[in-house]
PDB file of N, CA and C in Angstrom:
ATOM      1  N   MET A   1      10.511 -15.814  -9.899  1.00  0.00           N
ATOM      2  CA  MET A   1       9.909 -14.541  -9.611  1.00  0.00           C
ATOM      3  C   MET A   1       9.224 -14.037 -10.878  1.00  0.00           C
ATOM      4  N   LEU A   2       8.040 -13.502 -10.730  1.00  0.00           N
ATOM      5  CA  LEU A   2       7.269 -13.034 -11.872  1.00  0.00           C
ATOM      6  C   LEU A   2       7.802 -11.719 -12.430  1.00  0.00           C
ATOM      7  N   MET A   3       7.598 -11.514 -13.704  1.00  0.00           N
ATOM      8  CA  MET A   3       7.937 -10.274 -14.411  1.00  0.00           C
ATOM      9  C   MET A   3       9.428  -9.942 -14.374  1.00  0.00           C
ATOM     10  N   CYS A   4      10.256 -10.929 -14.329  1.00  0.00           N
ATOM     11  CA  CYS A   4      11.709 -10.698 -14.398  1.00  0.00           C
ATOM     12  C   CYS A   4      12.131 -10.866 -15.847  1.00  0.00           C
ATOM     13  N   ASN A   5      11.740  -9.893 -16.657  1.00  0.00           N
ATOM     14  CA  ASN A   5      11.960  -9.995 -18.098  1.00  0.00           C
ATOM     15  C   ASN A   5      12.788  -8.837 -18.661  1.00  0.00           C
ATOM     16  N   GLN A   6      13.482  -8.111 -17.793  1.00  0.00           N
ATOM     17  CA  GLN A   6      14.265  -6.962 -18.238  1.00  0.00           C
ATOM     18  C   GLN A   6      15.766  -7.238 -18.129  1.00  0.00           C
ATOM     19  N   THR A   7      16.517  -6.512 -18.937  1.00  0.00           N
ATOM     20  CA  THR A   7      17.980  -6.543 -18.876  1.00  0.00           C
ATOM     21  C   THR A   7      18.458  -5.186 -18.384  1.00  0.00           C
ATOM     22  N   VAL A   8      19.340  -5.195 -17.395  1.00  0.00           N
ATOM     23  CA  VAL A   8      19.909  -3.964 -16.859  1.00  0.00           C
ATOM     24  C   VAL A   8      21.427  -4.100 -16.817  1.00  0.00           C
ATOM     25  N   THR A   9      22.089  -2.963 -16.661  1.00  0.00           N
ATOM     26  CA  THR A   9      23.536  -2.956 -16.496  1.00  0.00           C
ATOM     27  C   THR A   9      23.859  -2.310 -15.163  1.00  0.00           C
ATOM     28  N   LEU A  10      24.569  -3.037 -14.323  1.00  0.00           N
ATOM     29  CA  LEU A  10      25.063  -2.508 -13.058  1.00  0.00           C
ATOM     30  C   LEU A  10      26.407  -1.849 -13.347  1.00  0.00           C
ATOM     31  N   VAL A  11      26.531  -0.572 -12.992  1.00  0.00           N
ATOM     32  CA  VAL A  11      27.750   0.188 -13.278  1.00  0.00           C
ATOM     33  C   VAL A  11      28.367   0.600 -11.946  1.00  0.00           C
ATOM     34  N   ARG A  12      29.632   0.242 -11.780  1.00  0.00           N
ATOM     35  CA  ARG A  12      30.334   0.544 -10.533  1.00  0.00           C
ATOM     36  C   ARG A  12      31.636   1.279 -10.859  1.00  0.00           C
ATOM     37  N   LEU A  13      31.887   2.346 -10.127  1.00  0.00           N
ATOM     38  CA  LEU A  13      33.133   3.092 -10.281  1.00  0.00           C
ATOM     39  C   LEU A  13      34.194   2.405  -9.422  1.00  0.00           C
ATOM     40  N   GLU A  14      35.277   1.961 -10.058  1.00  0.00           N
ATOM     41  CA  GLU A  14      36.339   1.261  -9.342  1.00  0.00           C
ATOM     42  C   GLU A  14      37.681   1.923  -9.608  1.00  0.00           C
ATOM     43  N   TYR A  15      38.553   1.776  -8.647  1.00  0.00           N
ATOM     44  CA  TYR A  15      39.901   2.320  -8.773  1.00  0.00           C
ATOM     45  C   TYR A  15      40.820   1.267  -9.373  1.00  0.00           C
ATOM     46  N   ASP A  16      41.543   1.623 -10.425  1.00  0.00           N
ATOM     47  CA  ASP A  16      42.491   0.734 -11.085  1.00  0.00           C
ATOM     48  C   ASP A  16      43.891   1.075 -10.572  1.00  0.00           C
ATOM     49  N   GLU A  17      44.425   0.217  -9.704  1.00  0.00           N
ATOM     50  CA  GLU A  17      45.721   0.485  -9.089  1.00  0.00           C
ATOM     51  C   GLU A  17      46.857   0.487 -10.102  1.00  0.00           C
ATOM     52  N   LYS A  18      46.784  -0.374 -11.093  1.00  0.00           N
ATOM     53  CA  LYS A  18      47.868  -0.471 -12.076  1.00  0.00           C
ATOM     54  C   LYS A  18      48.049   0.819 -12.856  1.00  0.00           C
ATOM     55  N   GLN A  19      46.933   1.443 -13.240  1.00  0.00           N
ATOM     56  CA  GLN A  19      47.008   2.663 -14.037  1.00  0.00           C
ATOM     57  C   GLN A  19      46.767   3.925 -13.212  1.00  0.00           C
ATOM     58  N   ASP A  20      46.495   3.759 -11.912  1.00  0.00           N
ATOM     59  CA  ASP A  20      46.241   4.873 -11.007  1.00  0.00           C
ATOM     60  C   ASP A  20      45.117   5.775 -11.532  1.00  0.00           C
ATOM     61  N   THR A  21      44.028   5.126 -11.968  1.00  0.00           N
ATOM     62  CA  THR A  21      42.857   5.853 -12.474  1.00  0.00           C
ATOM     63  C   THR A  21      41.585   5.171 -11.995  1.00  0.00           C
ATOM     64  N   GLU A  22      40.499   5.892 -12.149  1.00  0.00           N
ATOM     65  CA  GLU A  22      39.187   5.315 -11.879  1.00  0.00           C
ATOM     66  C   GLU A  22      38.548   4.925 -13.213  1.00  0.00           C
ATOM     67  N   ARG A  23      37.748   3.864 -13.178  1.00  0.00           N
ATOM     68  CA  ARG A  23      37.066   3.418 -14.385  1.00  0.00           C
ATOM     69  C   ARG A  23      35.710   2.843 -14.007  1.00  0.00           C
ATOM     70  N   TYR A  24      34.793   2.865 -14.973  1.00  0.00           N
ATOM     71  CA  TYR A  24      33.465   2.313 -14.768  1.00  0.00           C
ATOM     72  C   TYR A  24      33.466   0.859 -15.225  1.00  0.00           C
ATOM     73  N   VAL A  25      33.035  -0.025 -14.337  1.00  0.00           N
ATOM     74  CA  VAL A  25      32.949  -1.449 -14.647  1.00  0.00           C
ATOM     75  C   VAL A  25      31.473  -1.782 -14.846  1.00  0.00           C
ATOM     76  N   CYS A  26      31.130  -2.362 -15.997  1.00  0.00           N
ATOM     77  CA  CYS A  26      29.747  -2.678 -16.344  1.00  0.00           C
ATOM     78  C   CYS A  26      29.508  -4.177 -16.243  1.00  0.00           C
ATOM     79  N   THR A  27      28.395  -4.546 -15.603  1.00  0.00           N
ATOM     80  CA  THR A  27      27.984  -5.941 -15.506  1.00  0.00           C
ATOM     81  C   THR A  27      26.536  -6.028 -15.964  1.00  0.00           C
ATOM     82  N   VAL A  28      26.290  -6.780 -17.017  1.00  0.00           N
ATOM     83  CA  VAL A  28      24.936  -6.936 -17.555  1.00  0.00           C
ATOM     84  C   VAL A  28      24.215  -8.016 -16.761  1.00  0.00           C
ATOM     85  N   LEU A  29      22.994  -7.693 -16.322  1.00  0.00           N
ATOM     86  CA  LEU A  29      22.144  -8.621 -15.569  1.00  0.00           C
ATOM     87  C   LEU A  29      20.873  -8.856 -16.367  1.00  0.00           C
ATOM     88  N   ASP A  30      20.664 -10.066 -16.800  1.00  0.00           N
ATOM     89  CA  ASP A  30      19.497 -10.418 -17.605  1.00  0.00           C
ATOM     90  C   ASP A  30      18.513 -11.219 -16.763  1.00  0.00           C
ATOM     91  N   GLY A  31      17.256 -10.764 -16.732  1.00  0.00           N
ATOM     92  CA  GLY A  31      16.218 -11.464 -15.984  1.00  0.00           C
ATOM     93  C   GLY A  31      15.886 -10.803 -14.666  1.00  0.00           C
ATOM     94  N   VAL A  32      15.733  -9.467 -14.694  1.00  0.00           N
ATOM     95  CA  VAL A  32      15.385  -8.720 -13.489  1.00  0.00           C
ATOM     96  C   VAL A  32      14.032  -8.044 -13.677  1.00  0.00           C
ATOM     97  N   SER A  33      13.468  -7.558 -12.581  1.00  0.00           N
ATOM     98  CA  SER A  33      12.202  -6.833 -12.603  1.00  0.00           C
ATOM     99  C   SER A  33      12.501  -5.346 -12.448  1.00  0.00           C
ATOM    100  N   TRP A  34      12.019  -4.519 -13.394  1.00  0.00           N
ATOM    101  CA  TRP A  34      12.275  -3.074 -13.401  1.00  0.00           C
ATOM    102  C   TRP A  34      10.939  -2.351 -13.326  1.00  0.00           C
ATOM    103  N   TYR A  35      10.811  -1.432 -12.376  1.00  0.00           N
ATOM    104  CA  TYR A  35       9.597  -0.637 -12.250  1.00  0.00           C
ATOM    105  C   TYR A  35      10.003   0.815 -12.044  1.00  0.00           C
ATOM    106  N   GLY A  36       9.473   1.702 -12.868  1.00  0.00           N
ATOM    107  CA  GLY A  36       9.750   3.129 -12.732  1.00  0.00           C
ATOM    108  C   GLY A  36       8.461   3.923 -12.735  1.00  0.00           C
ATOM    109  N   THR A  37       8.430   5.008 -11.954  1.00  0.00           N
ATOM    110  CA  THR A  37       7.245   5.850 -11.883  1.00  0.00           C
ATOM    111  C   THR A  37       7.664   7.299 -11.621  1.00  0.00           C
ATOM    112  N   MET A  38       6.766   8.221 -11.948  1.00  0.00           N
ATOM    113  CA  MET A  38       6.988   9.639 -11.665  1.00  0.00           C
ATOM    114  C   MET A  38       6.333   9.944 -10.327  1.00  0.00           C
ATOM    115  N   ARG A  39       7.092  10.562  -9.443  1.00  0.00           N
ATOM    116  CA  ARG A  39       6.595  10.883  -8.115  1.00  0.00           C
ATOM    117  C   ARG A  39       6.534  12.393  -7.969  1.00  0.00           C
ATOM    118  N   ILE A  40       5.471  12.899  -7.381  1.00  0.00           N
ATOM    119  CA  ILE A  40       5.297  14.332  -7.134  1.00  0.00           C
ATOM    120  C   ILE A  40       5.394  14.574  -5.631  1.00  0.00           C
ATOM    121  N   THR A  41       6.240  15.525  -5.243  1.00  0.00           N
ATOM    122  CA  THR A  41       6.368  15.879  -3.839  1.00  0.00           C
ATOM    123  C   THR A  41       6.142  17.373  -3.682  1.00  0.00           C
ATOM    124  N   LYS A  42       5.713  17.761  -2.500  1.00  0.00           N
ATOM    125  CA  LYS A  42       5.519  19.176  -2.177  1.00  0.00           C
ATOM    126  C   LYS A  42       6.653  19.635  -1.271  1.00  0.00           C
ATOM    127  N   ASP A  43       7.095  20.852  -1.509  1.00  0.00           N
ATOM    128  CA  ASP A  43       8.033  21.488  -0.595  1.00  0.00           C
ATOM    129  C   ASP A  43       7.659  22.964  -0.472  1.00  0.00           C
ATOM    130  N   ALA A  44       8.493  23.755   0.165  1.00  0.00           N
ATOM    131  CA  ALA A  44       8.185  25.168   0.391  1.00  0.00           C
ATOM    132  C   ALA A  44       8.065  25.946  -0.916  1.00  0.00           C
ATOM    133  N   ASN A  45       8.709  25.470  -1.977  1.00  0.00           N
ATOM    134  CA  ASN A  45       8.676  26.154  -3.267  1.00  0.00           C
ATOM    135  C   ASN A  45       7.586  25.646  -4.205  1.00  0.00           C
ATOM    136  N   GLY A  46       6.782  24.733  -3.754  1.00  0.00           N
ATOM    137  CA  GLY A  46       5.715  24.178  -4.593  1.00  0.00           C
ATOM    138  C   GLY A  46       5.890  22.691  -4.823  1.00  0.00           C
ATOM    139  N   ARG A  47       5.436  22.244  -5.979  1.00  0.00           N
ATOM    140  CA  ARG A  47       5.515  20.818  -6.305  1.00  0.00           C
ATOM    141  C   ARG A  47       6.756  20.530  -7.126  1.00  0.00           C
ATOM    142  N   LYS A  48       7.263  19.310  -6.931  1.00  0.00           N
ATOM    143  CA  LYS A  48       8.466  18.903  -7.625  1.00  0.00           C
ATOM    144  C   LYS A  48       8.282  17.468  -8.113  1.00  0.00           C
ATOM    145  N   ALA A  49       8.685  17.202  -9.347  1.00  0.00           N
ATOM    146  CA  ALA A  49       8.566  15.863  -9.910  1.00  0.00           C
ATOM    147  C   ALA A  49       9.923  15.162  -9.884  1.00  0.00           C
ATOM    148  N   ALA A  50       9.888  13.852  -9.630  1.00  0.00           N
ATOM    149  CA  ALA A  50      11.113  13.054  -9.638  1.00  0.00           C
ATOM    150  C   ALA A  50      10.768  11.635 -10.074  1.00  0.00           C
ATOM    151  N   ASN A  51      11.684  11.023 -10.799  1.00  0.00           N
ATOM    152  CA  ASN A  51      11.509   9.623 -11.170  1.00  0.00           C
ATOM    153  C   ASN A  51      11.934   8.745 -10.003  1.00  0.00           C
ATOM    154  N   GLU A  52      11.177   7.696  -9.759  1.00  0.00           N
ATOM    155  CA  GLU A  52      11.501   6.739  -8.706  1.00  0.00           C
ATOM    156  C   GLU A  52      11.552   5.354  -9.340  1.00  0.00           C
ATOM    157  N   TYR A  53      12.601   4.600  -9.041  1.00  0.00           N
ATOM    158  CA  TYR A  53      12.783   3.282  -9.636  1.00  0.00           C
ATOM    159  C   TYR A  53      12.898   2.223  -8.551  1.00  0.00           C
ATOM    160  N   ARG A  54      12.345   1.052  -8.852  1.00  0.00           N
ATOM    161  CA  ARG A  54      12.466  -0.122  -7.991  1.00  0.00           C
ATOM    162  C   ARG A  54      12.824  -1.307  -8.870  1.00  0.00           C
ATOM    163  N   VAL A  55      13.891  -1.976  -8.509  1.00  0.00           N
ATOM    164  CA  VAL A  55      14.377  -3.109  -9.293  1.00  0.00           C
ATOM    165  C   VAL A  55      14.565  -4.289  -8.355  1.00  0.00           C
ATOM    166  N   ARG A  56      14.130  -5.447  -8.808  1.00  0.00           N
ATOM    167  CA  ARG A  56      14.351  -6.676  -8.057  1.00  0.00           C
ATOM    168  C   ARG A  56      15.274  -7.562  -8.880  1.00  0.00           C
ATOM    169  N   ILE A  57      16.386  -7.915  -8.265  1.00  0.00           N
ATOM    170  CA  ILE A  57      17.393  -8.740  -8.922  1.00  0.00           C
ATOM    171  C   ILE A  57      17.406 -10.100  -8.240  1.00  0.00           C
ATOM    172  N   PRO A  58      16.949 -11.156  -8.929  1.00  0.00           N
ATOM    173  CA  PRO A  58      17.001 -12.483  -8.318  1.00  0.00           C
ATOM    174  C   PRO A  58      18.429 -12.840  -7.892  1.00  0.00           C
ATOM    175  N   VAL A  59      18.555 -13.508  -6.767  1.00  0.00           N
ATOM    176  CA  VAL A  59      19.862 -13.865  -6.233  1.00  0.00           C
ATOM    177  C   VAL A  59      20.659 -14.681  -7.244  1.00  0.00           C
ATOM    178  N   ALA A  60      19.994 -15.598  -7.947  1.00  0.00           N
ATOM    179  CA  ALA A  60      20.692 -16.429  -8.931  1.00  0.00           C
ATOM    180  C   ALA A  60      21.312 -15.578 -10.039  1.00  0.00           C
ATOM    181  N   VAL A  61      20.624 -14.518 -10.466  1.00  0.00           N
ATOM    182  CA  VAL A  61      21.140 -13.630 -11.520  1.00  0.00           C
ATOM    183  C   VAL A  61      22.375 -12.890 -11.015  1.00  0.00           C
ATOM    184  N   ALA A  62      22.311 -12.346  -9.801  1.00  0.00           N
ATOM    185  CA  ALA A  62      23.452 -11.623  -9.228  1.00  0.00           C
ATOM    186  C   ALA A  62      24.631 -12.562  -8.988  1.00  0.00           C
ATOM    187  N   ASP A  63      24.351 -13.745  -8.466  1.00  0.00           N
ATOM    188  CA  ASP A  63      25.420 -14.708  -8.207  1.00  0.00           C
ATOM    189  C   ASP A  63      26.099 -15.155  -9.493  1.00  0.00           C
ATOM    190  N   ASN A  64      25.318 -15.407 -10.547  1.00  0.00           N
ATOM    191  CA  ASN A  64      25.899 -15.814 -11.832  1.00  0.00           C
ATOM    192  C   ASN A  64      26.799 -14.729 -12.412  1.00  0.00           C
ATOM    193  N   ALA A  65      26.461 -13.472 -12.170  1.00  0.00           N
ATOM    194  CA  ALA A  65      27.254 -12.355 -12.679  1.00  0.00           C
ATOM    195  C   ALA A  65      28.418 -12.020 -11.750  1.00  0.00           C
ATOM    196  N   GLY A  66      28.374 -12.544 -10.527  1.00  0.00           N
ATOM    197  CA  GLY A  66      29.447 -12.290  -9.568  1.00  0.00           C
ATOM    198  C   GLY A  66      29.415 -10.903  -8.953  1.00  0.00           C
ATOM    199  N   VAL A  67      28.210 -10.317  -8.816  1.00  0.00           N
ATOM    200  CA  VAL A  67      28.089  -8.981  -8.234  1.00  0.00           C
ATOM    201  C   VAL A  67      27.016  -8.960  -7.155  1.00  0.00           C
ATOM    202  N   THR A  68      27.156  -8.006  -6.266  1.00  0.00           N
ATOM    203  CA  THR A  68      26.143  -7.692  -5.270  1.00  0.00           C
ATOM    204  C   THR A  68      25.908  -6.197  -5.365  1.00  0.00           C
ATOM    205  N   PRO A  69      24.662  -5.752  -5.603  1.00  0.00           N
ATOM    206  CA  PRO A  69      24.415  -4.308  -5.707  1.00  0.00           C
ATOM    207  C   PRO A  69      24.701  -3.613  -4.383  1.00  0.00           C
ATOM    208  N   LYS A  70      25.191  -2.376  -4.466  1.00  0.00           N
ATOM    209  CA  LYS A  70      25.425  -1.605  -3.253  1.00  0.00           C
ATOM    210  C   LYS A  70      25.124  -0.130  -3.506  1.00  0.00           C
ATOM    211  N   ARG A  71      24.921   0.598  -2.426  1.00  0.00           N
ATOM    212  CA  ARG A  71      24.627   2.030  -2.517  1.00  0.00           C
ATOM    213  C   ARG A  71      25.737   2.733  -3.281  1.00  0.00           C
ATOM    214  N   GLY A  72      25.330   3.647  -4.172  1.00  0.00           N
ATOM    215  CA  GLY A  72      26.294   4.405  -4.949  1.00  0.00           C
ATOM    216  C   GLY A  72      26.534   3.844  -6.340  1.00  0.00           C
ATOM    217  N   ASP A  73      26.176   2.569  -6.555  1.00  0.00           N
ATOM    218  CA  ASP A  73      26.266   1.996  -7.897  1.00  0.00           C
ATOM    219  C   ASP A  73      25.187   2.617  -8.770  1.00  0.00           C
ATOM    220  N   PHE A  74      25.319   2.471 -10.071  1.00  0.00           N
ATOM    221  CA  PHE A  74      24.303   2.908 -11.026  1.00  0.00           C
ATOM    222  C   PHE A  74      23.631   1.680 -11.611  1.00  0.00           C
ATOM    223  N   LEU A  75      22.340   1.790 -11.922  1.00  0.00           N
ATOM    224  CA  LEU A  75      21.622   0.771 -12.685  1.00  0.00           C
ATOM    225  C   LEU A  75      21.069   1.450 -13.921  1.00  0.00           C
ATOM    226  N   VAL A  76      21.341   0.870 -15.073  1.00  0.00           N
ATOM    227  CA  VAL A  76      20.913   1.422 -16.354  1.00  0.00           C
ATOM    228  C   VAL A  76      20.050   0.384 -17.052  1.00  0.00           C
ATOM    229  N   LEU A  77      18.937   0.818 -17.603  1.00  0.00           N
ATOM    230  CA  LEU A  77      18.050  -0.086 -18.322  1.00  0.00           C
ATOM    231  C   LEU A  77      18.694  -0.481 -19.645  1.00  0.00           C
ATOM    232  N   GLY A  78      18.784  -1.773 -19.896  1.00  0.00           N
ATOM    233  CA  GLY A  78      19.379  -2.285 -21.124  1.00  0.00           C
ATOM    234  C   GLY A  78      20.807  -2.769 -20.911  1.00  0.00           C
ATOM    235  N   ALA A  79      21.345  -3.405 -21.940  1.00  0.00           N
ATOM    236  CA  ALA A  79      22.714  -3.926 -21.890  1.00  0.00           C
ATOM    237  C   ALA A  79      23.675  -2.900 -22.467  1.00  0.00           C
ATOM    238  N   VAL A  80      24.678  -2.533 -21.682  1.00  0.00           N
ATOM    239  CA  VAL A  80      25.685  -1.566 -22.114  1.00  0.00           C
ATOM    240  C   VAL A  80      27.052  -2.174 -21.827  1.00  0.00           C
ATOM    241  N   ALA A  81      27.943  -2.127 -22.809  1.00  0.00           N
ATOM    242  CA  ALA A  81      29.256  -2.748 -22.665  1.00  0.00           C
ATOM    243  C   ALA A  81      30.212  -1.912 -21.822  1.00  0.00           C
ATOM    244  N   SER A  82      30.194  -0.586 -22.010  1.00  0.00           N
ATOM    245  CA  SER A  82      31.134   0.238 -21.256  1.00  0.00           C
ATOM    246  C   SER A  82      30.696   1.698 -21.226  1.00  0.00           C
ATOM    247  N   PHE A  83      31.205   2.394 -20.230  1.00  0.00           N
ATOM    248  CA  PHE A  83      31.034   3.839 -20.090  1.00  0.00           C
ATOM    249  C   PHE A  83      32.403   4.435 -19.807  1.00  0.00           C
ATOM    250  N   SER A  84      32.640   5.636 -20.314  1.00  0.00           N
ATOM    251  CA  SER A  84      33.912   6.285 -20.027  1.00  0.00           C
ATOM    252  C   SER A  84      33.759   7.491 -19.098  1.00  0.00           C
ATOM    253  N   CYS A  85      32.516   8.006 -18.975  1.00  0.00           N
ATOM    254  CA  CYS A  85      32.306   9.169 -18.104  1.00  0.00           C
ATOM    255  C   CYS A  85      30.854   9.189 -17.608  1.00  0.00           C
ATOM    256  N   ILE A  86      30.624  10.004 -16.601  1.00  0.00           N
ATOM    257  CA  ILE A  86      29.293  10.093 -15.983  1.00  0.00           C
ATOM    258  C   ILE A  86      28.254  10.632 -16.953  1.00  0.00           C
ATOM    259  N   GLU A  87      28.640  11.477 -17.885  1.00  0.00           N
ATOM    260  CA  GLU A  87      27.696  12.034 -18.857  1.00  0.00           C
ATOM    261  C   GLU A  87      27.101  10.937 -19.734  1.00  0.00           C
ATOM    262  N   GLU A  88      27.890   9.934 -20.060  1.00  0.00           N
ATOM    263  CA  GLU A  88      27.379   8.815 -20.858  1.00  0.00           C
ATOM    264  C   GLU A  88      26.336   8.021 -20.080  1.00  0.00           C
ATOM    265  N   ILE A  89      26.555   7.853 -18.791  1.00  0.00           N
ATOM    266  CA  ILE A  89      25.588   7.134 -17.955  1.00  0.00           C
ATOM    267  C   ILE A  89      24.291   7.933 -17.879  1.00  0.00           C
ATOM    268  N   SER A  90      24.398   9.247 -17.715  1.00  0.00           N
ATOM    269  CA  SER A  90      23.221  10.111 -17.592  1.00  0.00           C
ATOM    270  C   SER A  90      22.361  10.133 -18.846  1.00  0.00           C
ATOM    271  N   ALA A  91      22.936   9.790 -19.981  1.00  0.00           N
ATOM    272  CA  ALA A  91      22.185   9.778 -21.241  1.00  0.00           C
ATOM    273  C   ALA A  91      21.250   8.573 -21.346  1.00  0.00           C
ATOM    274  N   HIS A  92      21.384   7.603 -20.454  1.00  0.00           N
ATOM    275  CA  HIS A  92      20.541   6.404 -20.469  1.00  0.00           C
ATOM    276  C   HIS A  92      19.482   6.491 -19.372  1.00  0.00           C
ATOM    277  N   THR A  93      18.429   5.703 -19.518  1.00  0.00           N
ATOM    278  CA  THR A  93      17.430   5.590 -18.456  1.00  0.00           C
ATOM    279  C   THR A  93      18.045   4.788 -17.331  1.00  0.00           C
ATOM    280  N   GLY A  94      18.125   5.399 -16.155  1.00  0.00           N
ATOM    281  CA  GLY A  94      18.733   4.718 -15.031  1.00  0.00           C
ATOM    282  C   GLY A  94      18.754   5.582 -13.797  1.00  0.00           C
ATOM    283  N   PHE A  95      19.451   5.098 -12.772  1.00  0.00           N
ATOM    284  CA  PHE A  95      19.462   5.805 -11.496  1.00  0.00           C
ATOM    285  C   PHE A  95      20.655   5.391 -10.656  1.00  0.00           C
ATOM    286  N   VAL A  96      20.924   6.207  -9.640  1.00  0.00           N
ATOM    287  CA  VAL A  96      21.917   5.879  -8.623  1.00  0.00           C
ATOM    288  C   VAL A  96      21.203   5.086  -7.540  1.00  0.00           C
ATOM    289  N   ILE A  97      21.784   4.002  -7.113  1.00  0.00           N
ATOM    290  CA  ILE A  97      21.171   3.164  -6.081  1.00  0.00           C
ATOM    291  C   ILE A  97      21.262   3.881  -4.731  1.00  0.00           C
ATOM    292  N   HIS A  98      20.095   4.099  -4.121  1.00  0.00           N
ATOM    293  CA  HIS A  98      20.015   4.746  -2.807  1.00  0.00           C
ATOM    294  C   HIS A  98      19.848   3.727  -1.695  1.00  0.00           C
ATOM    295  N   SER A  99      19.156   2.627  -1.983  1.00  0.00           N
ATOM    296  CA  SER A  99      18.958   1.611  -0.940  1.00  0.00           C
ATOM    297  C   SER A  99      18.956   0.220  -1.567  1.00  0.00           C
ATOM    298  N   VAL A 100      19.448  -0.727  -0.780  1.00  0.00           N
ATOM    299  CA  VAL A 100      19.505  -2.123  -1.198  1.00  0.00           C
ATOM    300  C   VAL A 100      18.890  -2.961  -0.085  1.00  0.00           C
ATOM    301  N   GLY A 101      17.838  -3.711  -0.430  1.00  0.00           N
ATOM    302  CA  GLY A 101      17.199  -4.602   0.527  1.00  0.00           C
ATOM    303  C   GLY A 101      17.641  -6.029   0.281  1.00  0.00           C
ATOM    304  N   ASP A 102      18.046  -6.700   1.337  1.00  0.00           N
ATOM    305  CA  ASP A 102      18.506  -8.077   1.261  1.00  0.00           C
ATOM    306  C   ASP A 102      17.334  -9.018   1.542  1.00  0.00           C
ATOM    307  N   ASN A 103      16.722  -9.529   0.479  1.00  0.00           N
ATOM    308  CA  ASN A 103      15.590 -10.444   0.608  1.00  0.00           C
ATOM    309  C   ASN A 103      16.005 -11.849   0.171  1.00  0.00           C
ATOM    310  N   ARG A 104      17.119 -12.326   0.733  1.00  0.00           N
ATOM    311  CA  ARG A 104      17.639 -13.641   0.369  1.00  0.00           C
ATOM    312  C   ARG A 104      17.123 -14.737   1.289  1.00  0.00           C
ATOM    313  N   ARG A 105      15.877 -14.646   1.637  1.00  0.00           N
ATOM    314  CA  ARG A 105      15.238 -15.684   2.436  1.00  0.00           C
ATOM    315  C   ARG A 105      13.866 -15.945   1.838  1.00  0.00           C
ATOM    316  N   GLY A 106      13.307 -17.055   2.162  1.00  0.00           N
ATOM    317  CA  GLY A 106      11.988 -17.365   1.636  1.00  0.00           C
ATOM    318  C   GLY A 106      12.031 -17.956   0.246  1.00  0.00           C
ATOM    319  N   ARG A 107      10.918 -17.885  -0.417  1.00  0.00           N
ATOM    320  CA  ARG A 107      10.750 -18.561  -1.698  1.00  0.00           C
ATOM    321  C   ARG A 107      11.330 -17.802  -2.884  1.00  0.00           C
ATOM    322  N   PHE A 108      11.138 -16.495  -2.939  1.00  0.00           N
ATOM    323  CA  PHE A 108      11.609 -15.684  -4.063  1.00  0.00           C
ATOM    324  C   PHE A 108      12.778 -14.805  -3.624  1.00  0.00           C
ATOM    325  N   GLN A 109      13.934 -15.392  -3.526  1.00  0.00           N
ATOM    326  CA  GLN A 109      15.113 -14.691  -3.033  1.00  0.00           C
ATOM    327  C   GLN A 109      15.603 -13.679  -4.052  1.00  0.00           C
ATOM    328  N   HIS A 110      15.808 -12.428  -3.571  1.00  0.00           N
ATOM    329  CA  HIS A 110      16.218 -11.367  -4.482  1.00  0.00           C
ATOM    330  C   HIS A 110      16.829 -10.203  -3.701  1.00  0.00           C
ATOM    331  N   TRP A 111      17.472  -9.304  -4.461  1.00  0.00           N
ATOM    332  CA  TRP A 111      17.924  -8.028  -3.957  1.00  0.00           C
ATOM    333  C   TRP A 111      16.906  -6.989  -4.396  1.00  0.00           C
ATOM    334  N   ALA A 112      16.383  -6.202  -3.455  1.00  0.00           N
ATOM    335  CA  ALA A 112      15.440  -5.129  -3.773  1.00  0.00           C
ATOM    336  C   ALA A 112      16.226  -3.822  -3.788  1.00  0.00           C
ATOM    337  N   VAL A 113      16.315  -3.200  -4.962  1.00  0.00           N
ATOM    338  CA  VAL A 113      17.130  -2.012  -5.165  1.00  0.00           C
ATOM    339  C   VAL A 113      16.228  -0.851  -5.540  1.00  0.00           C
ATOM    340  N   SER A 114      16.481   0.329  -4.981  1.00  0.00           N
ATOM    341  CA  SER A 114      15.674   1.490  -5.348  1.00  0.00           C
ATOM    342  C   SER A 114      16.524   2.750  -5.383  1.00  0.00           C
ATOM    343  N   GLY A 115      16.005   3.757  -6.092  1.00  0.00           N
ATOM    344  CA  GLY A 115      16.706   5.031  -6.197  1.00  0.00           C
ATOM    345  C   GLY A 115      15.929   5.994  -7.060  1.00  0.00           C
ATOM    346  N   GLU A 116      16.501   7.157  -7.267  1.00  0.00           N
ATOM    347  CA  GLU A 116      15.883   8.212  -8.072  1.00  0.00           C
ATOM    348  C   GLU A 116      16.784   8.573  -9.232  1.00  0.00           C
TER     349      GLU A 116
END
């Protein structure tokens, strides 16, 4: 797949049964396509700006890392070893995954992920 030259970190909130706590699990994915843009929308109060992101994760990259992206996960641009709270995630360029497209057929098999 062309332009798969970015490194991202998939961040998932998981429950740790042993310690009875929640923790953020980080998985670095190297070789993905990252596209971000500013989107302007109109509503009753006027215009509103929002960042929109689209990421394509080749199936081989996800399989090698042992993860499948899902709604509610976070994607952060760059490699990050760990996060301890949501404020740390918000300090990085990234987004909450709103939709995941399963494009594991055809020639360029990948997961199409998007969010704001």
